[in-house]
Amino acid sequence: MNRRQHAITVLQASQDSPTLARLAELSRDSVARLNALDGLIPTALRPAIQAGPIDGDAWCLLLDNNAAAAKVRQLLPSLLAHLRVKGWEINSIRLKVQIRQSG
């Protein structure tokens, strides 16, 4: 049996797999949450923050450095309140500093 393998896009793969479809949905939701907070996060801080994983009613933000994490930690109560007003059922935001390896 000759089987041809052909490339497919990530979108096509996610549509064919319930697990990948769920991951893609969570990723879009995470980015939407971060975009909803755009007006609450200082402009200079925005490049240091990325949307992270969602785990039930907890959400994770990925930060470039400890200074950004310290500032975002101060903003957490208002960020949580804003997301709840926008309709997201969220009880906590975890902060994770990404350690970048040079090389």
PDB file of N, CA and C in Angstrom:
ATOM      1  N   MET A   1       0.848  -1.168   0.000  1.00  0.00           N
ATOM      2  CA  MET A   1       0.000   0.000   0.000  1.00  0.00           C
ATOM      3  C   MET A   1       0.898   1.238   0.000  1.00  0.00           C
ATOM      4  N   ASN A   2       0.731   2.065  -0.970  1.00  0.00           N
ATOM      5  CA  ASN A   2       1.471   3.317  -1.067  1.00  0.00           C
ATOM      6  C   ASN A   2       0.679   4.412  -0.385  1.00  0.00           C
ATOM      7  N   ARG A   3       1.272   4.963   0.622  1.00  0.00           N
ATOM      8  CA  ARG A   3       0.571   6.000   1.371  1.00  0.00           C
ATOM      9  C   ARG A   3       1.314   7.309   1.214  1.00  0.00           C
ATOM     10  N   ARG A   4       0.644   8.291   0.705  1.00  0.00           N
ATOM     11  CA  ARG A   4       1.254   9.605   0.534  1.00  0.00           C
ATOM     12  C   ARG A   4       1.007  10.446   1.764  1.00  0.00           C
ATOM     13  N   GLN A   5       2.073  11.031   2.226  1.00  0.00           N
ATOM     14  CA  GLN A   5       1.926  11.954   3.337  1.00  0.00           C
ATOM     15  C   GLN A   5       1.946  13.359   2.772  1.00  0.00           C
ATOM     16  N   HIS A   6       1.034  14.153   3.236  1.00  0.00           N
ATOM     17  CA  HIS A   6       0.977  15.534   2.774  1.00  0.00           C
ATOM     18  C   HIS A   6       0.903  16.459   3.980  1.00  0.00           C
ATOM     19  N   ALA A   7       1.429  17.609   3.794  1.00  0.00           N
ATOM     20  CA  ALA A   7       1.434  18.592   4.877  1.00  0.00           C
ATOM     21  C   ALA A   7       0.042  19.174   5.057  1.00  0.00           C
ATOM     22  N   ILE A   8      -0.295  19.413   6.313  1.00  0.00           N
ATOM     23  CA  ILE A   8      -1.551  20.080   6.619  1.00  0.00           C
ATOM     24  C   ILE A   8      -1.254  21.237   7.559  1.00  0.00           C
ATOM     25  N   THR A   9      -2.131  22.191   7.590  1.00  0.00           N
ATOM     26  CA  THR A   9      -1.946  23.337   8.472  1.00  0.00           C
ATOM     27  C   THR A   9      -2.325  22.958   9.898  1.00  0.00           C
ATOM     28  N   VAL A  10      -1.877  23.775  10.836  1.00  0.00           N
ATOM     29  CA  VAL A  10      -2.241  23.558  12.237  1.00  0.00           C
ATOM     30  C   VAL A  10      -3.750  23.654  12.401  1.00  0.00           C
ATOM     31  N   LEU A  11      -4.359  24.583  11.676  1.00  0.00           N
ATOM     32  CA  LEU A  11      -5.814  24.725  11.746  1.00  0.00           C
ATOM     33  C   LEU A  11      -6.506  23.439  11.312  1.00  0.00           C
ATOM     34  N   GLN A  12      -6.052  22.852  10.205  1.00  0.00           N
ATOM     35  CA  GLN A  12      -6.652  21.605   9.736  1.00  0.00           C
ATOM     36  C   GLN A  12      -6.455  20.484  10.757  1.00  0.00           C
ATOM     37  N   ALA A  13      -5.263  20.404  11.324  1.00  0.00           N
ATOM     38  CA  ALA A  13      -4.992  19.359  12.314  1.00  0.00           C
ATOM     39  C   ALA A  13      -5.869  19.535  13.541  1.00  0.00           C
ATOM     40  N   SER A  14      -6.033  20.781  13.973  1.00  0.00           N
ATOM     41  CA  SER A  14      -6.838  21.018  15.172  1.00  0.00           C
ATOM     42  C   SER A  14      -8.313  20.714  14.928  1.00  0.00           C
ATOM     43  N   GLN A  15      -8.768  20.910  13.714  1.00  0.00           N
ATOM     44  CA  GLN A  15     -10.160  20.610  13.410  1.00  0.00           C
ATOM     45  C   GLN A  15     -10.407  19.102  13.375  1.00  0.00           C
ATOM     46  N   ASP A  16      -9.364  18.332  13.061  1.00  0.00           N
ATOM     47  CA  ASP A  16      -9.499  16.883  12.984  1.00  0.00           C
ATOM     48  C   ASP A  16      -9.273  16.186  14.316  1.00  0.00           C
ATOM     49  N   SER A  17      -8.798  16.911  15.311  1.00  0.00           N
ATOM     50  CA  SER A  17      -8.497  16.310  16.609  1.00  0.00           C
ATOM     51  C   SER A  17      -9.180  17.096  17.719  1.00  0.00           C
ATOM     52  N   PRO A  18     -10.049  16.468  18.476  1.00  0.00           N
ATOM     53  CA  PRO A  18     -10.719  17.177  19.578  1.00  0.00           C
ATOM     54  C   PRO A  18      -9.740  17.751  20.595  1.00  0.00           C
ATOM     55  N   THR A  19      -8.660  17.040  20.864  1.00  0.00           N
ATOM     56  CA  THR A  19      -7.671  17.523  21.833  1.00  0.00           C
ATOM     57  C   THR A  19      -6.981  18.773  21.320  1.00  0.00           C
ATOM     58  N   LEU A  20      -6.544  18.738  20.076  1.00  0.00           N
ATOM     59  CA  LEU A  20      -5.905  19.923  19.495  1.00  0.00           C
ATOM     60  C   LEU A  20      -6.892  21.074  19.356  1.00  0.00           C
ATOM     61  N   ALA A  21      -8.133  20.771  19.038  1.00  0.00           N
ATOM     62  CA  ALA A  21      -9.154  21.814  18.927  1.00  0.00           C
ATOM     63  C   ALA A  21      -9.339  22.506  20.276  1.00  0.00           C
ATOM     64  N   ARG A  22      -9.353  21.744  21.348  1.00  0.00           N
ATOM     65  CA  ARG A  22      -9.509  22.313  22.699  1.00  0.00           C
ATOM     66  C   ARG A  22      -8.305  23.176  23.059  1.00  0.00           C
ATOM     67  N   LEU A  23      -7.103  22.719  22.741  1.00  0.00           N
ATOM     68  CA  LEU A  23      -5.900  23.509  23.005  1.00  0.00           C
ATOM     69  C   LEU A  23      -5.914  24.816  22.220  1.00  0.00           C
ATOM     70  N   ALA A  24      -6.332  24.762  20.967  1.00  0.00           N
ATOM     71  CA  ALA A  24      -6.409  25.969  20.154  1.00  0.00           C
ATOM     72  C   ALA A  24      -7.440  26.937  20.730  1.00  0.00           C
ATOM     73  N   GLU A  25      -8.558  26.413  21.205  1.00  0.00           N
ATOM     74  CA  GLU A  25      -9.599  27.242  21.818  1.00  0.00           C
ATOM     75  C   GLU A  25      -9.079  27.920  23.088  1.00  0.00           C
ATOM     76  N   LEU A  26      -8.377  27.170  23.924  1.00  0.00           N
ATOM     77  CA  LEU A  26      -7.806  27.734  25.147  1.00  0.00           C
ATOM     78  C   LEU A  26      -6.761  28.806  24.834  1.00  0.00           C
ATOM     79  N   SER A  27      -5.980  28.575  23.808  1.00  0.00           N
ATOM     80  CA  SER A  27      -4.973  29.554  23.409  1.00  0.00           C
ATOM     81  C   SER A  27      -5.630  30.854  22.954  1.00  0.00           C
ATOM     82  N   ARG A  28      -6.672  30.747  22.146  1.00  0.00           N
ATOM     83  CA  ARG A  28      -7.395  31.949  21.688  1.00  0.00           C
ATOM     84  C   ARG A  28      -8.026  32.680  22.868  1.00  0.00           C
ATOM     85  N   ASP A  29      -8.588  31.933  23.808  1.00  0.00           N
ATOM     86  CA  ASP A  29      -9.208  32.525  24.988  1.00  0.00           C
ATOM     87  C   ASP A  29      -8.167  33.248  25.839  1.00  0.00           C
ATOM     88  N   SER A  30      -7.003  32.657  25.989  1.00  0.00           N
ATOM     89  CA  SER A  30      -5.941  33.270  26.782  1.00  0.00           C
ATOM     90  C   SER A  30      -5.488  34.591  26.169  1.00  0.00           C
ATOM     91  N   VAL A  31      -5.320  34.609  24.866  1.00  0.00           N
ATOM     92  CA  VAL A  31      -4.925  35.844  24.175  1.00  0.00           C
ATOM     93  C   VAL A  31      -6.038  36.888  24.284  1.00  0.00           C
ATOM     94  N   ALA A  32      -7.293  36.456  24.194  1.00  0.00           N
ATOM     95  CA  ALA A  32      -8.418  37.388  24.325  1.00  0.00           C
ATOM     96  C   ALA A  32      -8.449  38.018  25.715  1.00  0.00           C
ATOM     97  N   ARG A  33      -8.140  37.228  26.735  1.00  0.00           N
ATOM     98  CA  ARG A  33      -8.090  37.769  28.101  1.00  0.00           C
ATOM     99  C   ARG A  33      -7.019  38.849  28.205  1.00  0.00           C
ATOM    100  N   LEU A  34      -5.839  38.559  27.682  1.00  0.00           N
ATOM    101  CA  LEU A  34      -4.755  39.541  27.748  1.00  0.00           C
ATOM    102  C   LEU A  34      -5.133  40.799  26.974  1.00  0.00           C
ATOM    103  N   ASN A  35      -5.745  40.647  25.816  1.00  0.00           N
ATOM    104  CA  ASN A  35      -6.176  41.810  25.038  1.00  0.00           C
ATOM    105  C   ASN A  35      -7.220  42.631  25.786  1.00  0.00           C
ATOM    106  N   ALA A  36      -8.074  41.970  26.553  1.00  0.00           N
ATOM    107  CA  ALA A  36      -9.098  42.679  27.323  1.00  0.00           C
ATOM    108  C   ALA A  36      -8.480  43.543  28.422  1.00  0.00           C
ATOM    109  N   LEU A  37      -7.266  43.210  28.840  1.00  0.00           N
ATOM    110  CA  LEU A  37      -6.587  43.955  29.901  1.00  0.00           C
ATOM    111  C   LEU A  37      -5.706  45.077  29.364  1.00  0.00           C
ATOM    112  N   ASP A  38      -5.700  45.250  28.082  1.00  0.00           N
ATOM    113  CA  ASP A  38      -4.794  46.199  27.424  1.00  0.00           C
ATOM    114  C   ASP A  38      -4.799  47.582  28.063  1.00  0.00           C
ATOM    115  N   GLY A  39      -5.947  48.123  28.380  1.00  0.00           N
ATOM    116  CA  GLY A  39      -6.030  49.465  28.945  1.00  0.00           C
ATOM    117  C   GLY A  39      -5.589  49.559  30.398  1.00  0.00           C
ATOM    118  N   LEU A  40      -5.474  48.417  31.076  1.00  0.00           N
ATOM    119  CA  LEU A  40      -5.097  48.417  32.485  1.00  0.00           C
ATOM    120  C   LEU A  40      -3.603  48.208  32.709  1.00  0.00           C
ATOM    121  N   ILE A  41      -2.918  47.740  31.681  1.00  0.00           N
ATOM    122  CA  ILE A  41      -1.488  47.454  31.795  1.00  0.00           C
ATOM    123  C   ILE A  41      -0.707  48.622  31.205  1.00  0.00           C
ATOM    124  N   PRO A  42       0.226  49.185  31.962  1.00  0.00           N
ATOM    125  CA  PRO A  42       1.026  50.296  31.443  1.00  0.00           C
ATOM    126  C   PRO A  42       1.701  49.938  30.115  1.00  0.00           C
ATOM    127  N   THR A  43       1.740  50.889  29.215  1.00  0.00           N
ATOM    128  CA  THR A  43       2.281  50.671  27.875  1.00  0.00           C
ATOM    129  C   THR A  43       3.685  50.078  27.898  1.00  0.00           C
ATOM    130  N   ALA A  44       4.547  50.591  28.760  1.00  0.00           N
ATOM    131  CA  ALA A  44       5.932  50.110  28.817  1.00  0.00           C
ATOM    132  C   ALA A  44       6.023  48.659  29.297  1.00  0.00           C
ATOM    133  N   LEU A  45       5.003  48.187  29.993  1.00  0.00           N
ATOM    134  CA  LEU A  45       5.009  46.838  30.553  1.00  0.00           C
ATOM    135  C   LEU A  45       4.458  45.790  29.584  1.00  0.00           C
ATOM    136  N   ARG A  46       3.659  46.200  28.636  1.00  0.00           N
ATOM    137  CA  ARG A  46       2.971  45.262  27.737  1.00  0.00           C
ATOM    138  C   ARG A  46       3.906  44.300  27.001  1.00  0.00           C
ATOM    139  N   PRO A  47       5.047  44.766  26.466  1.00  0.00           N
ATOM    140  CA  PRO A  47       5.916  43.810  25.742  1.00  0.00           C
ATOM    141  C   PRO A  47       6.499  42.712  26.631  1.00  0.00           C
ATOM    142  N   ALA A  48       6.493  42.897  27.932  1.00  0.00           N
ATOM    143  CA  ALA A  48       7.073  41.924  28.859  1.00  0.00           C
ATOM    144  C   ALA A  48       6.065  40.860  29.298  1.00  0.00           C
ATOM    145  N   ILE A  49       4.839  40.919  28.789  1.00  0.00           N
ATOM    146  CA  ILE A  49       3.777  40.005  29.232  1.00  0.00           C
ATOM    147  C   ILE A  49       3.244  39.208  28.044  1.00  0.00           C
ATOM    148  N   GLN A  50       3.072  37.904  28.266  1.00  0.00           N
ATOM    149  CA  GLN A  50       2.457  37.041  27.266  1.00  0.00           C
ATOM    150  C   GLN A  50       1.331  36.251  27.918  1.00  0.00           C
ATOM    151  N   ALA A  51       0.342  35.927  27.122  1.00  0.00           N
ATOM    152  CA  ALA A  51      -0.758  35.094  27.608  1.00  0.00           C
ATOM    153  C   ALA A  51      -0.245  33.677  27.814  1.00  0.00           C
ATOM    154  N   GLY A  52      -0.612  33.096  28.944  1.00  0.00           N
ATOM    155  CA  GLY A  52      -0.177  31.743  29.269  1.00  0.00           C
ATOM    156  C   GLY A  52      -1.341  30.783  29.327  1.00  0.00           C
ATOM    157  N   PRO A  53      -1.109  29.605  29.892  1.00  0.00           N
ATOM    158  CA  PRO A  53      -2.144  28.567  29.915  1.00  0.00           C
ATOM    159  C   PRO A  53      -3.313  28.890  30.844  1.00  0.00           C
ATOM    160  N   ILE A  54      -4.441  28.304  30.513  1.00  0.00           N
ATOM    161  CA  ILE A  54      -5.656  28.387  31.333  1.00  0.00           C
ATOM    162  C   ILE A  54      -5.879  27.005  31.930  1.00  0.00           C
ATOM    163  N   ASP A  55      -6.118  26.983  33.235  1.00  0.00           N
ATOM    164  CA  ASP A  55      -6.392  25.723  33.924  1.00  0.00           C
ATOM    165  C   ASP A  55      -7.629  25.918  34.789  1.00  0.00           C
ATOM    166  N   GLY A  56      -8.779  25.601  34.235  1.00  0.00           N
ATOM    167  CA  GLY A  56     -10.042  25.793  34.950  1.00  0.00           C
ATOM    168  C   GLY A  56     -10.299  27.270  35.178  1.00  0.00           C
ATOM    169  N   ASP A  57     -10.399  27.667  36.464  1.00  0.00           N
ATOM    170  CA  ASP A  57     -10.662  29.076  36.766  1.00  0.00           C
ATOM    171  C   ASP A  57      -9.380  29.839  37.090  1.00  0.00           C
ATOM    172  N   ALA A  58      -8.241  29.242  36.774  1.00  0.00           N
ATOM    173  CA  ALA A  58      -6.944  29.907  36.969  1.00  0.00           C
ATOM    174  C   ALA A  58      -6.310  30.185  35.613  1.00  0.00           C
ATOM    175  N   TRP A  59      -5.629  31.294  35.523  1.00  0.00           N
ATOM    176  CA  TRP A  59      -4.977  31.711  34.284  1.00  0.00           C
ATOM    177  C   TRP A  59      -3.552  32.095  34.614  1.00  0.00           C
ATOM    178  N   CYS A  60      -2.644  31.875  33.700  1.00  0.00           N
ATOM    179  CA  CYS A  60      -1.240  32.170  33.930  1.00  0.00           C
ATOM    180  C   CYS A  60      -0.772  33.241  32.947  1.00  0.00           C
ATOM    181  N   LEU A  61      -0.022  34.202  33.478  1.00  0.00           N
ATOM    182  CA  LEU A  61       0.635  35.188  32.630  1.00  0.00           C
ATOM    183  C   LEU A  61       2.127  34.887  32.646  1.00  0.00           C
ATOM    184  N   LEU A  62       2.743  34.936  31.486  1.00  0.00           N
ATOM    185  CA  LEU A  62       4.171  34.702  31.351  1.00  0.00           C
ATOM    186  C   LEU A  62       4.869  36.053  31.247  1.00  0.00           C
ATOM    187  N   LEU A  63       5.871  36.243  32.104  1.00  0.00           N
ATOM    188  CA  LEU A  63       6.549  37.532  32.177  1.00  0.00           C
ATOM    189  C   LEU A  63       8.025  37.382  31.846  1.00  0.00           C
ATOM    190  N   ASP A  64       8.587  38.448  31.280  1.00  0.00           N
ATOM    191  CA  ASP A  64       9.982  38.419  30.853  1.00  0.00           C
ATOM    192  C   ASP A  64      10.985  38.522  31.996  1.00  0.00           C
ATOM    193  N   ASN A  65      10.576  39.156  33.102  1.00  0.00           N
ATOM    194  CA  ASN A  65      11.545  39.382  34.172  1.00  0.00           C
ATOM    195  C   ASN A  65      10.824  39.600  35.505  1.00  0.00           C
ATOM    196  N   ASN A  66      11.619  39.593  36.572  1.00  0.00           N
ATOM    197  CA  ASN A  66      11.061  39.747  37.916  1.00  0.00           C
ATOM    198  C   ASN A  66      10.474  41.136  38.155  1.00  0.00           C
ATOM    199  N   ALA A  67      11.052  42.151  37.547  1.00  0.00           N
ATOM    200  CA  ALA A  67      10.523  43.506  37.722  1.00  0.00           C
ATOM    201  C   ALA A  67       9.110  43.610  37.151  1.00  0.00           C
ATOM    202  N   ALA A  68       8.903  43.024  35.982  1.00  0.00           N
ATOM    203  CA  ALA A  68       7.569  43.025  35.375  1.00  0.00           C
ATOM    204  C   ALA A  68       6.596  42.237  36.258  1.00  0.00           C
ATOM    205  N   ALA A  69       7.051  41.127  36.801  1.00  0.00           N
ATOM    206  CA  ALA A  69       6.198  40.313  37.675  1.00  0.00           C
ATOM    207  C   ALA A  69       5.792  41.096  38.922  1.00  0.00           C
ATOM    208  N   ALA A  70       6.732  41.851  39.492  1.00  0.00           N
ATOM    209  CA  ALA A  70       6.433  42.639  40.688  1.00  0.00           C
ATOM    210  C   ALA A  70       5.371  43.694  40.395  1.00  0.00           C
ATOM    211  N   LYS A  71       5.472  44.345  39.256  1.00  0.00           N
ATOM    212  CA  LYS A  71       4.495  45.372  38.894  1.00  0.00           C
ATOM    213  C   LYS A  71       3.123  44.746  38.615  1.00  0.00           C
ATOM    214  N   VAL A  72       3.105  43.650  37.875  1.00  0.00           N
ATOM    215  CA  VAL A  72       1.834  42.987  37.560  1.00  0.00           C
ATOM    216  C   VAL A  72       1.189  42.459  38.840  1.00  0.00           C
ATOM    217  N   ARG A  73       1.990  41.984  39.775  1.00  0.00           N
ATOM    218  CA  ARG A  73       1.455  41.497  41.045  1.00  0.00           C
ATOM    219  C   ARG A  73       0.642  42.592  41.742  1.00  0.00           C
ATOM    220  N   GLN A  74       1.102  43.838  41.642  1.00  0.00           N
ATOM    221  CA  GLN A  74       0.368  44.960  42.228  1.00  0.00           C
ATOM    222  C   GLN A  74      -0.964  45.205  41.523  1.00  0.00           C
ATOM    223  N   LEU A  75      -1.024  44.856  40.247  1.00  0.00           N
ATOM    224  CA  LEU A  75      -2.221  45.096  39.433  1.00  0.00           C
ATOM    225  C   LEU A  75      -3.242  43.957  39.505  1.00  0.00           C
ATOM    226  N   LEU A  76      -2.859  42.823  40.097  1.00  0.00           N
ATOM    227  CA  LEU A  76      -3.714  41.631  40.044  1.00  0.00           C
ATOM    228  C   LEU A  76      -5.158  41.850  40.498  1.00  0.00           C
ATOM    229  N   PRO A  77      -5.413  42.526  41.617  1.00  0.00           N
ATOM    230  CA  PRO A  77      -6.822  42.697  42.010  1.00  0.00           C
ATOM    231  C   PRO A  77      -7.658  43.406  40.933  1.00  0.00           C
ATOM    232  N   SER A  78      -7.117  44.448  40.326  1.00  0.00           N
ATOM    233  CA  SER A  78      -7.893  45.156  39.303  1.00  0.00           C
ATOM    234  C   SER A  78      -7.998  44.344  38.018  1.00  0.00           C
ATOM    235  N   LEU A  79      -6.966  43.571  37.687  1.00  0.00           N
ATOM    236  CA  LEU A  79      -7.032  42.728  36.490  1.00  0.00           C
ATOM    237  C   LEU A  79      -8.101  41.646  36.650  1.00  0.00           C
ATOM    238  N   LEU A  80      -8.122  41.004  37.824  1.00  0.00           N
ATOM    239  CA  LEU A  80      -9.136  39.982  38.084  1.00  0.00           C
ATOM    240  C   LEU A  80     -10.545  40.564  38.037  1.00  0.00           C
ATOM    241  N   ALA A  81     -10.737  41.700  38.672  1.00  0.00           N
ATOM    242  CA  ALA A  81     -12.060  42.331  38.689  1.00  0.00           C
ATOM    243  C   ALA A  81     -12.505  42.681  37.273  1.00  0.00           C
ATOM    244  N   HIS A  82     -11.600  43.204  36.469  1.00  0.00           N
ATOM    245  CA  HIS A  82     -11.932  43.591  35.096  1.00  0.00           C
ATOM    246  C   HIS A  82     -12.338  42.366  34.271  1.00  0.00           C
ATOM    247  N   LEU A  83     -11.590  41.281  34.404  1.00  0.00           N
ATOM    248  CA  LEU A  83     -11.926  40.070  33.646  1.00  0.00           C
ATOM    249  C   LEU A  83     -13.285  39.504  34.053  1.00  0.00           C
ATOM    250  N   ARG A  84     -13.578  39.568  35.339  1.00  0.00           N
ATOM    251  CA  ARG A  84     -14.884  39.080  35.808  1.00  0.00           C
ATOM    252  C   ARG A  84     -16.022  39.923  35.246  1.00  0.00           C
ATOM    253  N   VAL A  85     -15.827  41.237  35.227  1.00  0.00           N
ATOM    254  CA  VAL A  85     -16.844  42.140  34.662  1.00  0.00           C
ATOM    255  C   VAL A  85     -17.055  41.834  33.182  1.00  0.00           C
ATOM    256  N   LYS A  86     -15.969  41.450  32.499  1.00  0.00           N
ATOM    257  CA  LYS A  86     -16.058  41.124  31.067  1.00  0.00           C
ATOM    258  C   LYS A  86     -16.646  39.738  30.813  1.00  0.00           C
ATOM    259  N   GLY A  87     -16.921  38.977  31.896  1.00  0.00           N
ATOM    260  CA  GLY A  87     -17.614  37.701  31.733  1.00  0.00           C
ATOM    261  C   GLY A  87     -16.770  36.449  31.887  1.00  0.00           C
ATOM    262  N   TRP A  88     -15.494  36.595  32.166  1.00  0.00           N
ATOM    263  CA  TRP A  88     -14.668  35.413  32.364  1.00  0.00           C
ATOM    264  C   TRP A  88     -14.799  34.940  33.805  1.00  0.00           C
ATOM    265  N   GLU A  89     -14.981  33.637  33.972  1.00  0.00           N
ATOM    266  CA  GLU A  89     -15.035  33.043  35.308  1.00  0.00           C
ATOM    267  C   GLU A  89     -13.602  32.711  35.706  1.00  0.00           C
ATOM    268  N   ILE A  90     -13.008  33.611  36.461  1.00  0.00           N
ATOM    269  CA  ILE A  90     -11.610  33.464  36.826  1.00  0.00           C
ATOM    270  C   ILE A  90     -11.437  33.807  38.294  1.00  0.00           C
ATOM    271  N   ASN A  91     -10.722  32.949  39.013  1.00  0.00           N
ATOM    272  CA  ASN A  91     -10.505  33.171  40.437  1.00  0.00           C
ATOM    273  C   ASN A  91      -9.071  33.549  40.764  1.00  0.00           C
ATOM    274  N   SER A  92      -8.142  33.219  39.869  1.00  0.00           N
ATOM    275  CA  SER A  92      -6.752  33.563  40.159  1.00  0.00           C
ATOM    276  C   SER A  92      -5.949  33.726  38.878  1.00  0.00           C
ATOM    277  N   ILE A  93      -4.925  34.543  38.996  1.00  0.00           N
ATOM    278  CA  ILE A  93      -3.953  34.718  37.923  1.00  0.00           C
ATOM    279  C   ILE A  93      -2.588  34.366  38.509  1.00  0.00           C
ATOM    280  N   ARG A  94      -1.952  33.369  37.925  1.00  0.00           N
ATOM    281  CA  ARG A  94      -0.598  33.000  38.327  1.00  0.00           C
ATOM    282  C   ARG A  94       0.388  33.768  37.459  1.00  0.00           C
ATOM    283  N   LEU A  95       1.515  34.097  38.027  1.00  0.00           N
ATOM    284  CA  LEU A  95       2.569  34.781  37.287  1.00  0.00           C
ATOM    285  C   LEU A  95       3.774  33.857  37.192  1.00  0.00           C
ATOM    286  N   LYS A  96       4.303  33.721  36.001  1.00  0.00           N
ATOM    287  CA  LYS A  96       5.480  32.885  35.811  1.00  0.00           C
ATOM    288  C   LYS A  96       6.514  33.670  35.023  1.00  0.00           C
ATOM    289  N   VAL A  97       7.699  33.808  35.600  1.00  0.00           N
ATOM    290  CA  VAL A  97       8.788  34.499  34.924  1.00  0.00           C
ATOM    291  C   VAL A  97       9.486  33.487  34.030  1.00  0.00           C
ATOM    292  N   GLN A  98       9.598  33.839  32.754  1.00  0.00           N
ATOM    293  CA  GLN A  98      10.276  32.991  31.782  1.00  0.00           C
ATOM    294  C   GLN A  98      11.778  33.239  31.873  1.00  0.00           C
ATOM    295  N   ILE A  99      12.529  32.207  32.107  1.00  0.00           N
ATOM    296  CA  ILE A  99      13.977  32.364  32.129  1.00  0.00           C
ATOM    297  C   ILE A  99      14.482  32.080  30.727  1.00  0.00           C
ATOM    298  N   ARG A 100      15.075  33.101  30.153  1.00  0.00           N
ATOM    299  CA  ARG A 100      15.583  32.980  28.778  1.00  0.00           C
ATOM    300  C   ARG A 100      17.051  32.594  28.831  1.00  0.00           C
ATOM    301  N   GLN A 101      17.368  31.577  28.069  1.00  0.00           N
ATOM    302  CA  GLN A 101      18.755  31.153  28.012  1.00  0.00           C
ATOM    303  C   GLN A 101      19.429  31.806  26.820  1.00  0.00           C
ATOM    304  N   SER A 102      20.575  32.386  27.059  1.00  0.00           N
ATOM    305  CA  SER A 102      21.311  33.015  25.970  1.00  0.00           C
ATOM    306  C   SER A 102      22.194  31.951  25.314  1.00  0.00           C
ATOM    307  N   GLY A 103      22.420  32.180  24.066  1.00  0.00           N
ATOM    308  CA  GLY A 103      23.290  31.191  23.424  1.00  0.00           C
ATOM    309  C   GLY A 103      23.153  31.216  22.016  1.00  0.00           C
TER     310      GLY A 103
END
